Amino acid sequence: MTVIRPLELSDAPALTELVAASREHLEPWEPARPERFYTLGGQQELVRLALSERRGGRMGPYVVLDEQGSPAGRITLNNIVRGAGQYASVGYWLGAGQTGRGLATRALAELVDLAFGEWGLHRLEAGTLLHNTASQRVLERNGFQPYGLARKYVMIAGTYQDHQLCELLSPDLR
């Protein structure tokens, strides 16, 4: 069963419910969010921006689906670099109650296939908080290898925090 599909504007209501219900679950792992993020209008703005970035070839936004086919989270190819680079970073999150069943691992596997196939990329990167062992396991299960430490890399939960950086090369480069 496919667990990701391209993000659509019609996903905004379900994503609004999901982020609102998962606020406490997500807050330790994400940047501080304005209150508008948890509203339908805020989610519609984010989806519209992501769709615009997809049309421009700068982002590959997808929805992660649960066993019933409902949105369970998001997974995205971010900051796609073309030209001599041909790489992107990967970001993902699952709502409260959606973790621990292999859903993120399967979603990332599908995204990797799309990235190296349809998107024509040759390298993927991801960063995790040093204590986010669950996300590190998702990356490891998909062949990502740690390659460095980014000190004070991203502001998460109101503080710049260190991140473990991981990479995955296209199979034709391994």
N, C-alpha and C. Protein backbone atom coordinates (compact mmCIF):
# COMPACT_ATOMS: atom_id res chain seq x y z
N MET A 1 0.83 -1.19 0.00
CA MET A 1 0.00 0.00 0.00
C MET A 1 0.88 1.25 0.00
N THR A 2 0.57 2.18 -0.87
CA THR A 2 1.27 3.45 -0.93
C THR A 2 0.93 4.27 0.31
N VAL A 3 1.95 4.86 0.93
CA VAL A 3 1.69 5.63 2.14
C VAL A 3 1.94 7.12 1.97
N ILE A 4 2.38 7.55 0.77
CA ILE A 4 2.47 8.99 0.53
C ILE A 4 1.81 9.30 -0.80
N ARG A 5 1.35 10.55 -0.89
CA ARG A 5 0.82 11.07 -2.15
C ARG A 5 1.08 12.58 -2.16
N PRO A 6 1.06 13.19 -3.34
CA PRO A 6 1.30 14.63 -3.39
C PRO A 6 0.28 15.41 -2.55
N LEU A 7 0.77 16.42 -1.89
CA LEU A 7 -0.06 17.32 -1.09
C LEU A 7 -1.05 18.05 -2.00
N GLU A 8 -2.27 18.24 -1.51
CA GLU A 8 -3.31 18.98 -2.23
C GLU A 8 -3.94 20.01 -1.29
N LEU A 9 -4.48 21.07 -1.87
CA LEU A 9 -5.13 22.10 -1.05
C LEU A 9 -6.27 21.50 -0.23
N SER A 10 -6.93 20.49 -0.76
CA SER A 10 -8.04 19.86 -0.03
C SER A 10 -7.58 19.12 1.22
N ASP A 11 -6.26 18.97 1.43
CA ASP A 11 -5.73 18.34 2.64
C ASP A 11 -5.72 19.28 3.84
N ALA A 12 -5.87 20.58 3.60
CA ALA A 12 -5.74 21.57 4.68
C ALA A 12 -6.66 21.31 5.87
N PRO A 13 -7.95 20.99 5.69
CA PRO A 13 -8.78 20.74 6.87
C PRO A 13 -8.29 19.56 7.72
N ALA A 14 -7.93 18.46 7.09
CA ALA A 14 -7.45 17.29 7.84
C ALA A 14 -6.11 17.60 8.51
N LEU A 15 -5.24 18.34 7.83
CA LEU A 15 -3.96 18.70 8.43
C LEU A 15 -4.14 19.64 9.60
N THR A 16 -5.14 20.53 9.50
CA THR A 16 -5.44 21.44 10.62
C THR A 16 -5.84 20.64 11.85
N GLU A 17 -6.74 19.70 11.67
CA GLU A 17 -7.15 18.84 12.80
C GLU A 17 -5.96 18.08 13.37
N LEU A 18 -5.11 17.57 12.48
CA LEU A 18 -3.97 16.76 12.91
C LEU A 18 -2.96 17.59 13.70
N VAL A 19 -2.58 18.77 13.19
CA VAL A 19 -1.59 19.57 13.92
C VAL A 19 -2.16 20.10 15.22
N ALA A 20 -3.44 20.43 15.24
CA ALA A 20 -4.05 20.92 16.49
C ALA A 20 -4.08 19.81 17.54
N ALA A 21 -4.47 18.61 17.12
CA ALA A 21 -4.53 17.49 18.06
C ALA A 21 -3.14 16.99 18.47
N SER A 22 -2.12 17.30 17.67
CA SER A 22 -0.76 16.79 17.91
C SER A 22 0.19 17.87 18.42
N ARG A 23 -0.35 18.99 18.80
CA ARG A 23 0.49 20.14 19.17
C ARG A 23 1.55 19.77 20.22
N GLU A 24 1.14 19.18 21.33
CA GLU A 24 2.11 18.83 22.39
C GLU A 24 3.11 17.79 21.91
N HIS A 25 2.66 16.88 21.08
CA HIS A 25 3.54 15.83 20.54
C HIS A 25 4.61 16.43 19.62
N LEU A 26 4.25 17.43 18.83
CA LEU A 26 5.17 17.98 17.84
C LEU A 26 6.07 19.09 18.37
N GLU A 27 5.61 19.85 19.35
CA GLU A 27 6.34 21.03 19.80
C GLU A 27 7.81 20.79 20.18
N PRO A 28 8.18 19.68 20.82
CA PRO A 28 9.60 19.50 21.17
C PRO A 28 10.51 19.28 19.96
N TRP A 29 9.94 18.99 18.80
CA TRP A 29 10.74 18.59 17.63
C TRP A 29 10.71 19.62 16.51
N GLU A 30 9.95 20.69 16.68
CA GLU A 30 9.76 21.64 15.59
C GLU A 30 10.04 23.07 16.03
N PRO A 31 10.18 23.97 15.04
CA PRO A 31 10.29 25.38 15.38
C PRO A 31 9.03 25.84 16.11
N ALA A 32 9.15 26.88 16.92
CA ALA A 32 7.97 27.46 17.56
C ALA A 32 7.03 27.95 16.47
N ARG A 33 5.77 27.66 16.63
CA ARG A 33 4.77 28.00 15.61
C ARG A 33 3.86 29.10 16.12
N PRO A 34 3.47 30.04 15.24
CA PRO A 34 2.47 31.04 15.64
C PRO A 34 1.11 30.36 15.78
N GLU A 35 0.22 30.98 16.51
CA GLU A 35 -1.12 30.41 16.71
C GLU A 35 -1.82 30.15 15.38
N ARG A 36 -1.58 30.99 14.40
CA ARG A 36 -2.22 30.82 13.09
C ARG A 36 -1.90 29.47 12.46
N PHE A 37 -0.75 28.89 12.75
CA PHE A 37 -0.35 27.58 12.22
C PHE A 37 -1.41 26.53 12.51
N TYR A 38 -2.07 26.65 13.64
CA TYR A 38 -3.03 25.64 14.10
C TYR A 38 -4.46 25.92 13.63
N THR A 39 -4.61 26.84 12.67
CA THR A 39 -5.93 27.19 12.15
C THR A 39 -6.05 26.74 10.69
N LEU A 40 -7.27 26.64 10.22
CA LEU A 40 -7.49 26.28 8.83
C LEU A 40 -6.83 27.29 7.90
N GLY A 41 -6.99 28.57 8.19
CA GLY A 41 -6.37 29.59 7.35
C GLY A 41 -4.86 29.45 7.30
N GLY A 42 -4.25 29.15 8.44
CA GLY A 42 -2.81 28.97 8.49
C GLY A 42 -2.35 27.76 7.69
N GLN A 43 -3.06 26.67 7.81
CA GLN A 43 -2.70 25.47 7.05
C GLN A 43 -2.94 25.68 5.55
N GLN A 44 -4.00 26.39 5.20
CA GLN A 44 -4.23 26.68 3.78
C GLN A 44 -3.09 27.51 3.21
N GLU A 45 -2.60 28.50 3.98
CA GLU A 45 -1.47 29.31 3.53
C GLU A 45 -0.24 28.43 3.30
N LEU A 46 0.05 27.54 4.25
CA LEU A 46 1.21 26.67 4.12
C LEU A 46 1.09 25.73 2.93
N VAL A 47 -0.10 25.19 2.72
CA VAL A 47 -0.30 24.29 1.58
C VAL A 47 -0.15 25.06 0.28
N ARG A 48 -0.75 26.24 0.20
CA ARG A 48 -0.62 27.04 -1.03
C ARG A 48 0.84 27.37 -1.33
N LEU A 49 1.59 27.73 -0.30
CA LEU A 49 3.01 28.03 -0.48
C LEU A 49 3.75 26.79 -0.96
N ALA A 50 3.48 25.64 -0.34
CA ALA A 50 4.15 24.40 -0.74
C ALA A 50 3.81 24.04 -2.19
N LEU A 51 2.56 24.23 -2.59
CA LEU A 51 2.17 23.92 -3.97
C LEU A 51 2.84 24.87 -4.96
N SER A 52 2.99 26.13 -4.57
CA SER A 52 3.70 27.09 -5.41
C SER A 52 5.17 26.68 -5.55
N GLU A 53 5.77 26.27 -4.45
CA GLU A 53 7.17 25.83 -4.48
C GLU A 53 7.32 24.56 -5.33
N ARG A 54 6.31 23.67 -5.27
CA ARG A 54 6.36 22.46 -6.10
C ARG A 54 6.31 22.85 -7.58
N ARG A 55 5.41 23.76 -7.93
CA ARG A 55 5.31 24.20 -9.33
C ARG A 55 6.64 24.79 -9.80
N GLY A 56 7.35 25.45 -8.91
CA GLY A 56 8.65 26.03 -9.24
C GLY A 56 9.79 25.04 -9.17
N GLY A 57 9.51 23.81 -8.78
CA GLY A 57 10.54 22.77 -8.73
C GLY A 57 11.46 22.87 -7.52
N ARG A 58 11.08 23.66 -6.53
CA ARG A 58 11.92 23.88 -5.35
C ARG A 58 11.56 23.01 -4.16
N MET A 59 10.41 22.33 -4.23
CA MET A 59 9.93 21.54 -3.10
C MET A 59 9.08 20.39 -3.62
N GLY A 60 9.16 19.26 -2.93
CA GLY A 60 8.29 18.13 -3.22
C GLY A 60 7.47 17.81 -1.99
N PRO A 61 6.30 18.43 -1.83
CA PRO A 61 5.48 18.21 -0.63
C PRO A 61 4.52 17.03 -0.79
N TYR A 62 4.50 16.16 0.21
CA TYR A 62 3.66 14.97 0.19
C TYR A 62 2.93 14.84 1.53
N VAL A 63 1.82 14.12 1.50
CA VAL A 63 1.07 13.77 2.69
C VAL A 63 1.37 12.31 3.01
N VAL A 64 1.58 12.01 4.29
CA VAL A 64 1.72 10.63 4.74
C VAL A 64 0.33 10.15 5.12
N LEU A 65 -0.03 8.98 4.63
CA LEU A 65 -1.38 8.44 4.85
C LEU A 65 -1.35 7.27 5.83
N ASP A 66 -2.36 7.22 6.70
CA ASP A 66 -2.48 6.09 7.62
C ASP A 66 -3.13 4.91 6.90
N GLU A 67 -3.41 3.85 7.64
CA GLU A 67 -3.97 2.62 7.06
C GLU A 67 -5.34 2.85 6.44
N GLN A 68 -6.06 3.88 6.86
CA GLN A 68 -7.38 4.18 6.31
C GLN A 68 -7.30 5.18 5.14
N GLY A 69 -6.10 5.62 4.82
CA GLY A 69 -5.93 6.59 3.74
C GLY A 69 -6.12 8.03 4.15
N SER A 70 -6.15 8.29 5.46
CA SER A 70 -6.29 9.66 5.98
C SER A 70 -4.92 10.25 6.27
N PRO A 71 -4.79 11.58 6.18
CA PRO A 71 -3.51 12.20 6.49
C PRO A 71 -3.05 11.88 7.92
N ALA A 72 -1.81 11.40 8.02
CA ALA A 72 -1.19 11.08 9.30
C ALA A 72 0.02 11.96 9.57
N GLY A 73 0.42 12.76 8.57
CA GLY A 73 1.58 13.62 8.70
C GLY A 73 1.99 14.15 7.34
N ARG A 74 3.19 14.71 7.30
CA ARG A 74 3.74 15.26 6.06
C ARG A 74 5.16 14.78 5.89
N ILE A 75 5.61 14.69 4.64
CA ILE A 75 7.00 14.41 4.30
C ILE A 75 7.33 15.23 3.07
N THR A 76 8.52 15.83 3.06
CA THR A 76 8.80 16.83 2.04
C THR A 76 10.25 16.77 1.58
N LEU A 77 10.45 16.94 0.28
CA LEU A 77 11.76 17.27 -0.27
C LEU A 77 11.85 18.78 -0.19
N ASN A 78 12.79 19.30 0.58
CA ASN A 78 12.94 20.74 0.79
C ASN A 78 14.19 21.26 0.10
N ASN A 79 14.15 22.55 -0.24
CA ASN A 79 15.34 23.24 -0.76
C ASN A 79 16.02 22.47 -1.88
N ILE A 80 15.24 22.08 -2.88
CA ILE A 80 15.79 21.32 -4.00
C ILE A 80 16.76 22.20 -4.77
N VAL A 81 17.96 21.68 -4.97
CA VAL A 81 19.01 22.37 -5.70
C VAL A 81 19.19 21.66 -7.04
N ARG A 82 19.15 22.43 -8.10
CA ARG A 82 19.33 21.89 -9.45
C ARG A 82 20.72 22.24 -9.96
N GLY A 83 20.93 22.21 -11.24
CA GLY A 83 22.24 22.50 -11.81
C GLY A 83 23.22 21.41 -11.44
N ALA A 84 24.39 21.81 -11.03
CA ALA A 84 25.44 20.84 -10.69
C ALA A 84 25.14 20.09 -9.39
N GLY A 85 24.23 20.62 -8.56
CA GLY A 85 23.95 20.01 -7.25
C GLY A 85 23.05 18.79 -7.31
N GLN A 86 21.80 18.98 -7.75
CA GLN A 86 20.81 17.90 -7.83
C GLN A 86 20.61 17.19 -6.48
N TYR A 87 20.35 17.97 -5.43
CA TYR A 87 20.11 17.39 -4.11
C TYR A 87 19.00 18.14 -3.39
N ALA A 88 18.55 17.56 -2.29
CA ALA A 88 17.51 18.18 -1.47
C ALA A 88 17.64 17.69 -0.04
N SER A 89 17.01 18.41 0.87
CA SER A 89 16.90 17.93 2.24
C SER A 89 15.52 17.31 2.42
N VAL A 90 15.42 16.45 3.40
CA VAL A 90 14.19 15.73 3.69
C VAL A 90 13.69 16.13 5.06
N GLY A 91 12.40 16.37 5.18
CA GLY A 91 11.78 16.63 6.47
C GLY A 91 10.48 15.86 6.56
N TYR A 92 10.14 15.42 7.76
CA TYR A 92 8.90 14.67 7.95
C TYR A 92 8.43 14.78 9.38
N TRP A 93 7.12 14.59 9.55
CA TRP A 93 6.53 14.52 10.88
C TRP A 93 5.27 13.67 10.80
N LEU A 94 4.94 13.04 11.90
CA LEU A 94 3.71 12.28 12.04
C LEU A 94 2.94 12.81 13.23
N GLY A 95 1.64 12.76 13.14
CA GLY A 95 0.79 13.20 14.23
C GLY A 95 0.86 12.28 15.43
N ALA A 96 0.35 12.77 16.53
CA ALA A 96 0.29 11.98 17.77
C ALA A 96 -0.49 10.70 17.49
N GLY A 97 -0.01 9.60 18.01
CA GLY A 97 -0.68 8.32 17.83
C GLY A 97 -0.35 7.62 16.52
N GLN A 98 0.45 8.25 15.68
CA GLN A 98 0.79 7.66 14.38
C GLN A 98 2.19 7.04 14.35
N THR A 99 2.92 7.19 15.43
CA THR A 99 4.31 6.72 15.45
C THR A 99 4.40 5.27 15.97
N GLY A 100 5.56 4.68 15.75
CA GLY A 100 5.83 3.36 16.30
C GLY A 100 5.30 2.19 15.50
N ARG A 101 4.79 2.44 14.29
CA ARG A 101 4.24 1.36 13.48
C ARG A 101 4.95 1.22 12.14
N GLY A 102 6.05 1.94 11.96
CA GLY A 102 6.79 1.86 10.71
C GLY A 102 6.30 2.77 9.61
N LEU A 103 5.33 3.61 9.92
CA LEU A 103 4.75 4.49 8.91
C LEU A 103 5.78 5.49 8.37
N ALA A 104 6.55 6.10 9.23
CA ALA A 104 7.57 7.06 8.79
C ALA A 104 8.63 6.36 7.95
N THR A 105 9.02 5.16 8.34
CA THR A 105 10.02 4.41 7.58
C THR A 105 9.52 4.11 6.17
N ARG A 106 8.28 3.67 6.06
CA ARG A 106 7.71 3.37 4.74
C ARG A 106 7.55 4.64 3.91
N ALA A 107 7.11 5.73 4.56
CA ALA A 107 6.94 6.99 3.85
C ALA A 107 8.28 7.49 3.30
N LEU A 108 9.32 7.40 4.11
CA LEU A 108 10.64 7.85 3.65
C LEU A 108 11.14 6.97 2.52
N ALA A 109 10.90 5.67 2.58
CA ALA A 109 11.32 4.78 1.50
C ALA A 109 10.66 5.19 0.18
N GLU A 110 9.38 5.52 0.23
CA GLU A 110 8.68 5.96 -0.98
C GLU A 110 9.23 7.30 -1.47
N LEU A 111 9.51 8.21 -0.54
CA LEU A 111 10.05 9.51 -0.93
C LEU A 111 11.43 9.35 -1.56
N VAL A 112 12.25 8.48 -1.01
CA VAL A 112 13.58 8.23 -1.57
C VAL A 112 13.45 7.74 -3.01
N ASP A 113 12.55 6.80 -3.26
CA ASP A 113 12.34 6.31 -4.63
C ASP A 113 11.93 7.44 -5.56
N LEU A 114 11.02 8.30 -5.11
CA LEU A 114 10.59 9.43 -5.93
C LEU A 114 11.74 10.41 -6.16
N ALA A 115 12.51 10.68 -5.12
CA ALA A 115 13.61 11.64 -5.21
C ALA A 115 14.64 11.21 -6.24
N PHE A 116 15.02 9.93 -6.21
CA PHE A 116 16.05 9.44 -7.11
C PHE A 116 15.48 9.04 -8.47
N GLY A 117 14.17 8.89 -8.57
CA GLY A 117 13.52 8.56 -9.83
C GLY A 117 12.92 9.79 -10.47
N GLU A 118 11.66 10.04 -10.14
CA GLU A 118 10.90 11.13 -10.75
C GLU A 118 11.58 12.50 -10.63
N TRP A 119 12.16 12.79 -9.46
CA TRP A 119 12.77 14.10 -9.25
C TRP A 119 14.19 14.18 -9.82
N GLY A 120 14.82 13.06 -10.11
CA GLY A 120 16.16 13.06 -10.71
C GLY A 120 17.26 13.58 -9.83
N LEU A 121 17.11 13.44 -8.51
CA LEU A 121 18.14 13.91 -7.59
C LEU A 121 19.23 12.85 -7.41
N HIS A 122 20.40 13.27 -6.93
CA HIS A 122 21.46 12.30 -6.69
C HIS A 122 21.85 12.19 -5.22
N ARG A 123 21.36 13.10 -4.39
CA ARG A 123 21.74 13.11 -2.98
C ARG A 123 20.60 13.66 -2.15
N LEU A 124 20.38 13.04 -0.97
CA LEU A 124 19.42 13.54 0.00
C LEU A 124 20.13 13.76 1.32
N GLU A 125 19.70 14.78 2.03
CA GLU A 125 20.25 15.10 3.34
C GLU A 125 19.12 15.22 4.34
N ALA A 126 19.42 14.95 5.59
CA ALA A 126 18.44 15.13 6.67
C ALA A 126 19.19 15.46 7.94
N GLY A 127 18.56 16.22 8.81
CA GLY A 127 19.13 16.53 10.11
C GLY A 127 18.14 16.18 11.20
N THR A 128 18.67 15.63 12.30
CA THR A 128 17.81 15.32 13.45
C THR A 128 18.42 15.90 14.71
N LEU A 129 17.56 16.24 15.65
CA LEU A 129 18.06 16.61 16.97
C LEU A 129 18.87 15.43 17.51
N LEU A 130 19.89 15.70 18.27
CA LEU A 130 20.77 14.63 18.76
C LEU A 130 20.02 13.59 19.59
N HIS A 131 18.97 13.99 20.28
CA HIS A 131 18.23 13.06 21.13
C HIS A 131 17.00 12.46 20.43
N ASN A 132 16.83 12.73 19.14
CA ASN A 132 15.68 12.19 18.41
C ASN A 132 16.06 10.83 17.80
N THR A 133 16.17 9.85 18.65
CA THR A 133 16.60 8.53 18.20
C THR A 133 15.57 7.86 17.30
N ALA A 134 14.29 8.14 17.49
CA ALA A 134 13.27 7.55 16.63
C ALA A 134 13.46 8.00 15.18
N SER A 135 13.69 9.29 14.98
CA SER A 135 13.91 9.79 13.63
C SER A 135 15.22 9.27 13.06
N GLN A 136 16.23 9.15 13.89
CA GLN A 136 17.51 8.60 13.43
C GLN A 136 17.33 7.15 12.95
N ARG A 137 16.50 6.38 13.64
CA ARG A 137 16.23 4.99 13.21
C ARG A 137 15.51 4.96 11.87
N VAL A 138 14.58 5.88 11.66
CA VAL A 138 13.88 5.96 10.37
C VAL A 138 14.90 6.20 9.25
N LEU A 139 15.80 7.13 9.48
CA LEU A 139 16.83 7.42 8.47
C LEU A 139 17.74 6.22 8.24
N GLU A 140 18.20 5.61 9.32
CA GLU A 140 19.09 4.44 9.20
C GLU A 140 18.43 3.31 8.44
N ARG A 141 17.16 3.03 8.73
CA ARG A 141 16.44 1.96 8.04
C ARG A 141 16.32 2.21 6.54
N ASN A 142 16.47 3.46 6.15
CA ASN A 142 16.41 3.81 4.73
C ASN A 142 17.78 4.06 4.12
N GLY A 143 18.83 3.66 4.82
CA GLY A 143 20.17 3.72 4.26
C GLY A 143 20.92 5.02 4.47
N PHE A 144 20.33 6.00 5.16
CA PHE A 144 21.04 7.25 5.43
C PHE A 144 22.19 6.99 6.39
N GLN A 145 23.31 7.69 6.15
CA GLN A 145 24.50 7.56 6.99
C GLN A 145 24.81 8.90 7.65
N PRO A 146 25.15 8.88 8.94
CA PRO A 146 25.57 10.13 9.59
C PRO A 146 26.87 10.64 8.97
N TYR A 147 26.99 11.94 8.80
CA TYR A 147 28.23 12.48 8.26
C TYR A 147 28.74 13.70 9.00
N GLY A 148 28.00 14.17 9.98
CA GLY A 148 28.51 15.32 10.69
C GLY A 148 27.56 15.86 11.73
N LEU A 149 28.04 16.86 12.43
CA LEU A 149 27.29 17.55 13.47
C LEU A 149 27.17 19.01 13.06
N ALA A 150 25.97 19.52 13.04
CA ALA A 150 25.74 20.94 12.77
C ALA A 150 25.39 21.59 14.10
N ARG A 151 26.31 22.39 14.62
CA ARG A 151 26.10 23.03 15.91
C ARG A 151 25.13 24.19 15.77
N LYS A 152 24.19 24.27 16.74
CA LYS A 152 23.21 25.36 16.78
C LYS A 152 22.58 25.54 15.41
N TYR A 153 22.15 24.46 14.80
CA TYR A 153 21.73 24.40 13.39
C TYR A 153 20.38 25.05 13.11
N VAL A 154 19.37 24.66 13.86
CA VAL A 154 18.01 25.13 13.63
C VAL A 154 17.36 25.46 14.97
N MET A 155 16.53 26.52 14.97
CA MET A 155 15.82 26.87 16.20
C MET A 155 14.62 25.93 16.35
N ILE A 156 14.70 25.08 17.33
CA ILE A 156 13.65 24.11 17.64
C ILE A 156 13.15 24.41 19.04
N ALA A 157 11.85 24.49 19.18
CA ALA A 157 11.23 24.77 20.48
C ALA A 157 11.84 26.00 21.14
N GLY A 158 12.17 27.00 20.33
CA GLY A 158 12.65 28.28 20.85
C GLY A 158 14.14 28.38 21.11
N THR A 159 14.93 27.35 20.81
CA THR A 159 16.37 27.37 21.08
C THR A 159 17.12 26.79 19.88
N TYR A 160 18.22 27.44 19.48
CA TYR A 160 19.05 26.85 18.44
C TYR A 160 19.66 25.57 18.98
N GLN A 161 19.47 24.48 18.25
CA GLN A 161 19.90 23.18 18.75
C GLN A 161 20.80 22.47 17.74
N ASP A 162 21.72 21.68 18.28
CA ASP A 162 22.62 20.87 17.46
C ASP A 162 21.83 19.77 16.75
N HIS A 163 22.29 19.42 15.56
CA HIS A 163 21.65 18.37 14.77
C HIS A 163 22.70 17.40 14.23
N GLN A 164 22.34 16.14 14.21
CA GLN A 164 23.13 15.14 13.51
C GLN A 164 22.72 15.20 12.04
N LEU A 165 23.69 15.31 11.14
CA LEU A 165 23.41 15.37 9.72
C LEU A 165 23.62 13.99 9.10
N CYS A 166 22.71 13.61 8.22
CA CYS A 166 22.77 12.32 7.55
C CYS A 166 22.62 12.53 6.05
N GLU A 167 23.13 11.58 5.28
CA GLU A 167 23.07 11.68 3.82
C GLU A 167 22.75 10.33 3.22
N LEU A 168 22.20 10.39 2.01
CA LEU A 168 21.95 9.19 1.21
C LEU A 168 22.21 9.55 -0.23
N LEU A 169 23.05 8.75 -0.89
CA LEU A 169 23.35 8.96 -2.29
C LEU A 169 22.48 8.07 -3.15
N SER A 170 22.20 8.52 -4.35
CA SER A 170 21.46 7.73 -5.32
C SER A 170 22.17 6.39 -5.51
N PRO A 171 21.42 5.31 -5.72
CA PRO A 171 22.05 3.99 -5.90
C PRO A 171 23.11 3.96 -6.99
N ASP A 172 22.97 4.76 -8.03
CA ASP A 172 23.97 4.73 -9.11
C ASP A 172 25.28 5.40 -8.70
N LEU A 173 25.33 6.05 -7.53
CA LEU A 173 26.56 6.69 -7.05
C LEU A 173 27.20 5.94 -5.88
N ARG A 174 26.54 4.90 -5.38
CA ARG A 174 27.06 4.20 -4.21
C ARG A 174 28.12 3.20 -4.61
